[in-house]
Amino acid sequence: MDNLQTQGISLPRLGLGTFRLKDDACTAAVEGALGLGYRHIDTAEMYGNEAAIGVGIKAAGIARNNLHVTTKVWHENLAPDAIRRAFDASLAKLGLDYVDLYLVHWPSKGMDLPAMFETLMKLKDEGRTRAIGVANFTLPLLKRVVEDIGAPIACNQVEYHVFLDQTKVLGYLRSKSIPLVAYCPLAQGKVADDVVLQKIAAKNHASAAQVALKWLLDQDGVAAIPKASRAESQQANLDALKLSLDEDDRKAIAALPKNQRLVNPGFAPEWD
């Protein structure tokens, strides 16, 4: 597994997304993925599955220093005291002494960015999270965090797939050597039905999903966290790493319409 180095941590480029995985099914998915070779598990306070993930991690028996765990604080808990309470609760549910990466899940309109990042930095200084970062931050917000506040963010986690252009955000992140972690990398399953991707997949003896995933992972500074509960899907995503897309494949993917944003809740920021 290829890793991205960022702010003192080593981030496996392919991780397991766990949104909407619950209870025993979530525990089984995490334990199974770790058994297959995954070493990057992504969760969040809002997912309501941190306890189930903690059980899966414990059952898998992987040495803690060989494992990367990300969790996130919800946008309603961005006051300093609330961040601390949310972090303490997440850590307790996961059953861990520390997490590798703690993210602001979504920006909120009334947030006090300097106070937030002062609190996050304290959690890092205390060794309770090895790194901090953000998710769903737009270019203007990123610039405030990185340039005005000087926060050492280890990633920006955003929706990114073959149907959504993230050129501006990715370009900025690359200029600062900050990885982009792609969620919904398979466009909530929509990649499977795309004729262009199916054609590329047939040529490469692969699936459309594997083609879409490898397109992301071939990009400098990009990691991806597809959700997969079944062992077959988890293995297929791992096998995507073996694919080799050629220039014609990349051109065909580049020509796909790139304006499909699938995750856009009412509290989302104004996208660039």
Protein backbone atom coordinates (compact mmCIF):
# COMPACT_ATOMS: atom_id res chain seq x y z
CA MET A 1 0.00 0.00 0.00
CA ASP A 2 1.34 3.39 -1.04
CA ASN A 3 1.34 6.06 1.69
CA LEU A 4 1.24 9.86 1.61
CA GLN A 5 3.51 11.66 4.09
CA THR A 6 1.84 14.67 5.70
CA GLN A 7 2.48 16.58 8.92
CA GLY A 8 4.42 13.74 10.49
CA ILE A 9 1.95 10.97 9.70
CA SER A 10 1.90 8.30 7.00
CA LEU A 11 -1.53 8.18 5.34
CA PRO A 12 -2.37 5.02 3.36
CA ARG A 13 -3.73 6.15 -0.02
CA LEU A 14 -6.60 3.67 0.03
CA GLY A 15 -8.77 3.59 3.13
CA LEU A 16 -12.11 2.20 4.24
CA GLY A 17 -14.99 4.67 4.40
CA THR A 18 -17.64 3.74 6.98
CA PHE A 19 -20.51 6.24 6.52
CA ARG A 20 -23.86 4.47 7.10
CA LEU A 21 -22.19 1.28 8.36
CA LYS A 22 -23.72 0.38 11.73
CA ASP A 23 -23.44 -2.03 14.64
CA ASP A 24 -22.33 -5.63 13.99
CA ALA A 25 -22.17 -5.13 10.21
CA CYS A 26 -19.79 -2.22 10.74
CA THR A 27 -17.62 -4.22 13.15
CA ALA A 28 -17.44 -7.11 10.68
CA ALA A 29 -16.58 -4.78 7.79
CA VAL A 30 -13.71 -3.18 9.73
CA GLU A 31 -12.31 -6.47 11.00
CA GLY A 32 -12.58 -7.99 7.53
CA ALA A 33 -10.94 -5.03 5.80
CA LEU A 34 -8.01 -5.07 8.22
CA GLY A 35 -7.67 -8.80 7.58
CA LEU A 36 -7.42 -8.12 3.83
CA GLY A 37 -4.65 -5.56 4.34
CA TYR A 38 -6.39 -2.21 4.81
CA ARG A 39 -4.62 0.00 7.34
CA HIS A 40 -6.66 3.22 7.03
CA ILE A 41 -10.10 3.45 8.66
CA ASP A 42 -12.21 6.60 8.34
CA THR A 43 -15.12 7.45 10.64
CA ALA A 44 -16.78 10.46 12.30
CA GLU A 45 -18.72 11.48 15.36
CA MET A 46 -21.80 11.94 13.16
CA TYR A 47 -21.69 8.40 11.73
CA GLY A 48 -22.69 6.92 15.09
CA ASN A 49 -20.41 3.91 14.55
CA GLU A 50 -17.18 4.71 16.40
CA ALA A 51 -17.88 2.10 19.10
CA ALA A 52 -18.56 -0.59 16.50
CA ILE A 53 -15.35 0.38 14.69
CA GLY A 54 -13.38 0.16 17.93
CA VAL A 55 -14.62 -3.40 18.43
CA GLY A 56 -13.59 -4.30 14.87
CA ILE A 57 -10.12 -2.81 15.33
CA LYS A 58 -9.61 -4.71 18.57
CA ALA A 59 -10.80 -7.99 17.01
CA ALA A 60 -8.44 -7.62 14.05
CA GLY A 61 -5.43 -7.49 16.37
CA ILE A 62 -3.34 -5.18 14.19
CA ALA A 63 -0.52 -3.41 16.03
CA ARG A 64 -1.69 0.13 16.75
CA ASN A 65 1.35 1.75 15.16
CA ASN A 66 0.54 -0.03 11.87
CA LEU A 67 -2.95 1.44 11.73
CA HIS A 68 -4.29 4.84 10.67
CA VAL A 69 -7.61 6.00 12.18
CA THR A 70 -9.38 9.23 11.21
CA THR A 71 -12.42 10.65 12.97
CA LYS A 72 -14.17 14.02 12.76
CA VAL A 73 -15.96 16.61 14.87
CA TRP A 74 -19.46 17.61 13.74
CA HIS A 75 -20.14 21.18 12.61
CA GLU A 76 -22.45 21.85 15.58
CA ASN A 77 -19.57 21.19 18.01
CA LEU A 78 -16.94 23.69 16.88
CA ALA A 79 -16.75 25.85 20.01
CA PRO A 80 -13.52 25.02 21.91
CA ASP A 81 -15.24 23.29 24.85
CA ALA A 82 -17.53 21.38 22.50
CA ILE A 83 -14.58 20.19 20.39
CA ARG A 84 -12.95 18.78 23.53
CA ARG A 85 -16.12 17.02 24.65
CA ALA A 86 -16.68 15.58 21.18
CA PHE A 87 -13.05 14.43 20.94
CA ASP A 88 -13.14 12.77 24.37
CA ALA A 89 -16.36 10.95 23.43
CA SER A 90 -14.94 9.78 20.07
CA LEU A 91 -11.74 8.47 21.63
CA ALA A 92 -13.67 6.62 24.35
CA LYS A 93 -16.01 5.00 21.81
CA LEU A 94 -13.12 3.95 19.59
CA GLY A 95 -11.34 2.49 22.61
CA LEU A 96 -8.06 4.08 21.55
CA ASP A 97 -5.41 6.11 23.34
CA TYR A 98 -5.08 8.44 20.34
CA VAL A 99 -6.29 8.92 16.78
CA ASP A 100 -4.01 9.58 13.85
CA LEU A 101 -6.06 12.35 12.29
CA TYR A 102 -8.85 14.53 13.69
CA LEU A 103 -10.83 16.58 11.18
CA VAL A 104 -13.35 19.40 11.23
CA HIS A 105 -16.15 17.53 9.42
CA TRP A 106 -17.86 20.60 7.93
CA PRO A 107 -17.29 24.32 8.32
CA SER A 108 -20.08 26.29 9.99
CA LYS A 109 -21.13 29.84 9.34
CA GLY A 110 -20.52 31.10 12.88
CA MET A 111 -17.25 29.31 13.54
CA ASP A 112 -14.28 31.02 15.17
CA LEU A 113 -11.44 29.55 13.14
CA PRO A 114 -8.53 30.78 15.32
CA ALA A 115 -10.18 29.44 18.50
CA MET A 116 -11.02 26.14 16.80
CA PHE A 117 -7.51 25.52 15.61
CA GLU A 118 -5.98 26.59 18.91
CA THR A 119 -8.06 23.82 20.52
CA LEU A 120 -7.17 21.28 17.82
CA MET A 121 -3.49 22.12 18.16
CA LYS A 122 -3.68 21.55 21.91
CA LEU A 123 -5.13 18.08 21.28
CA LYS A 124 -2.20 17.45 18.95
CA ASP A 125 0.34 18.80 21.43
CA GLU A 126 -1.12 16.50 24.09
CA GLY A 127 -0.50 13.53 21.79
CA ARG A 128 -4.16 12.60 21.66
CA THR A 129 -4.31 13.12 17.90
CA ARG A 130 -1.18 12.81 15.81
CA ALA A 131 -2.40 15.31 13.20
CA ILE A 132 -5.34 17.62 12.49
CA GLY A 133 -7.15 18.58 9.31
CA VAL A 134 -10.36 19.67 7.65
CA ALA A 135 -13.12 18.32 5.44
CA ASN A 136 -15.42 20.10 3.01
CA PHE A 137 -13.40 23.31 3.16
CA THR A 138 -13.56 25.59 0.13
CA LEU A 139 -10.58 27.40 -1.37
CA PRO A 140 -11.22 30.69 0.54
CA LEU A 141 -11.59 28.77 3.82
CA LEU A 142 -8.45 26.75 3.14
CA LYS A 143 -6.47 29.94 2.53
CA ARG A 144 -7.65 31.39 5.84
CA VAL A 145 -6.66 28.25 7.73
CA VAL A 146 -3.31 27.72 6.04
CA GLU A 147 -2.13 31.28 5.35
CA ASP A 148 -3.80 33.47 7.97
CA ILE A 149 -3.91 31.06 10.92
CA GLY A 150 -0.93 28.92 9.92
CA ALA A 151 -2.62 25.71 11.02
CA PRO A 152 -0.62 22.58 10.12
CA ILE A 153 -3.48 20.73 8.45
CA ALA A 154 -2.67 17.24 7.20
CA CYS A 155 -5.45 17.01 4.60
CA ASN A 156 -8.70 18.38 3.20
CA GLN A 157 -11.27 15.62 2.79
CA VAL A 158 -13.78 16.43 0.04
CA GLU A 159 -16.14 14.79 -2.40
CA TYR A 160 -14.07 13.89 -5.45
CA HIS A 161 -14.76 11.47 -8.28
CA VAL A 162 -14.75 11.23 -12.08
CA PHE A 163 -17.95 13.32 -12.27
CA LEU A 164 -16.85 16.25 -10.10
CA ASP A 165 -14.08 18.73 -10.85
CA GLN A 166 -11.84 19.64 -7.91
CA THR A 167 -9.02 21.23 -9.94
CA LYS A 168 -8.89 24.50 -7.97
CA VAL A 169 -8.87 22.93 -4.51
CA LEU A 170 -6.45 20.19 -5.58
CA GLY A 171 -4.09 22.71 -7.18
CA TYR A 172 -3.98 24.79 -4.02
CA LEU A 173 -3.48 21.77 -1.77
CA ARG A 174 -0.63 20.54 -3.96
CA SER A 175 1.04 23.95 -3.80
CA LYS A 176 1.10 23.55 0.00
CA SER A 177 1.97 19.80 -0.02
CA ILE A 178 -1.36 18.95 1.64
CA PRO A 179 -3.12 15.75 0.51
CA LEU A 180 -6.70 15.63 -0.74
CA VAL A 181 -8.68 12.69 0.66
CA ALA A 182 -11.53 11.80 -1.71
CA TYR A 183 -14.82 10.68 -0.22
CA CYS A 184 -17.60 9.28 -2.43
CA PRO A 185 -14.81 8.25 -4.86
CA LEU A 186 -17.24 5.94 -6.68
CA ALA A 187 -19.95 8.64 -6.90
CA GLN A 188 -22.32 6.63 -4.69
CA GLY A 189 -22.20 3.75 -7.18
CA LYS A 190 -22.95 5.87 -10.25
CA VAL A 191 -19.60 5.02 -11.85
CA ALA A 192 -20.77 1.44 -12.43
CA ASP A 193 -23.37 2.56 -14.99
CA ASP A 194 -21.19 4.91 -17.01
CA VAL A 195 -20.64 3.68 -20.59
CA VAL A 196 -17.22 5.37 -20.96
CA LEU A 197 -15.92 3.80 -17.75
CA GLN A 198 -17.41 0.42 -18.71
CA LYS A 199 -15.52 0.54 -22.02
CA ILE A 200 -12.22 1.38 -20.30
CA ALA A 201 -12.92 -1.36 -17.74
CA ALA A 202 -13.50 -3.99 -20.44
CA LYS A 203 -10.20 -3.07 -22.10
CA ASN A 204 -8.38 -3.41 -18.76
CA HIS A 205 -10.19 -6.58 -17.58
CA ALA A 206 -11.52 -4.64 -14.61
CA SER A 207 -14.74 -3.05 -13.33
CA ALA A 208 -15.88 0.53 -13.92
CA ALA A 209 -15.52 1.14 -10.18
CA GLN A 210 -11.90 -0.04 -10.24
CA VAL A 211 -11.16 2.28 -13.17
CA ALA A 212 -12.72 5.26 -11.37
CA LEU A 213 -10.79 4.50 -8.19
CA LYS A 214 -7.44 4.04 -9.95
CA TRP A 215 -7.97 7.34 -11.81
CA LEU A 216 -8.07 9.07 -8.42
CA LEU A 217 -5.19 7.16 -6.87
CA ASP A 218 -2.95 7.86 -9.88
CA GLN A 219 -3.10 11.58 -9.05
CA ASP A 220 -0.36 13.22 -7.01
CA GLY A 221 -1.36 13.85 -3.42
CA VAL A 222 -4.75 12.11 -3.59
CA ALA A 223 -6.03 9.38 -1.25
CA ALA A 224 -9.49 7.76 -1.41
CA ILE A 225 -11.83 6.19 1.14
CA PRO A 226 -14.51 4.14 -0.67
CA LYS A 227 -17.16 2.64 1.60
CA ALA A 228 -17.33 -1.13 1.25
CA SER A 229 -19.06 -3.49 3.65
CA ARG A 230 -18.65 -6.77 1.73
CA ALA A 231 -15.30 -8.56 1.50
CA GLU A 232 -15.68 -8.88 -2.29
CA SER A 233 -16.01 -5.11 -2.67
CA GLN A 234 -13.16 -4.43 -0.28
CA GLN A 235 -10.90 -6.79 -2.23
CA ALA A 236 -11.98 -5.31 -5.57
CA ASN A 237 -10.99 -1.85 -4.33
CA LEU A 238 -7.58 -3.18 -3.26
CA ASP A 239 -7.18 -4.84 -6.66
CA ALA A 240 -7.79 -1.49 -8.36
CA LEU A 241 -4.27 -0.56 -7.24
CA LYS A 242 -2.91 -3.10 -9.74
CA LEU A 243 -4.57 -1.44 -12.75
CA SER A 244 -2.57 0.56 -15.25
CA LEU A 245 -4.54 3.24 -17.10
CA ASP A 246 -3.04 4.60 -20.31
CA GLU A 247 -3.19 8.08 -21.82
CA ASP A 248 -6.28 7.25 -23.89
CA ASP A 249 -8.06 6.07 -20.75
CA ARG A 250 -7.20 9.27 -18.91
CA LYS A 251 -8.31 11.45 -21.82
CA ALA A 252 -11.66 9.66 -21.99
CA ILE A 253 -12.19 10.16 -18.25
CA ALA A 254 -11.13 13.81 -18.49
CA ALA A 255 -13.84 14.36 -21.11
CA LEU A 256 -16.64 13.19 -18.80
CA PRO A 257 -18.94 15.95 -17.46
CA LYS A 258 -17.57 17.05 -14.09
CA ASN A 259 -20.42 18.97 -12.47
CA GLN A 260 -22.17 16.30 -10.37
CA ARG A 261 -21.96 17.18 -6.69
CA LEU A 262 -23.78 14.45 -4.79
CA VAL A 263 -23.24 15.63 -1.19
CA ASN A 264 -24.64 19.10 -0.67
CA PRO A 265 -26.54 19.46 2.64
CA GLY A 266 -28.27 22.67 3.64
CA PHE A 267 -25.43 23.62 5.98
CA ALA A 268 -22.74 23.18 3.28
CA PRO A 269 -20.52 26.17 2.44
CA GLU A 270 -20.90 28.07 -0.80
CA TRP A 271 -18.83 25.95 -3.15
CA ASP A 272 -16.29 27.70 -5.37
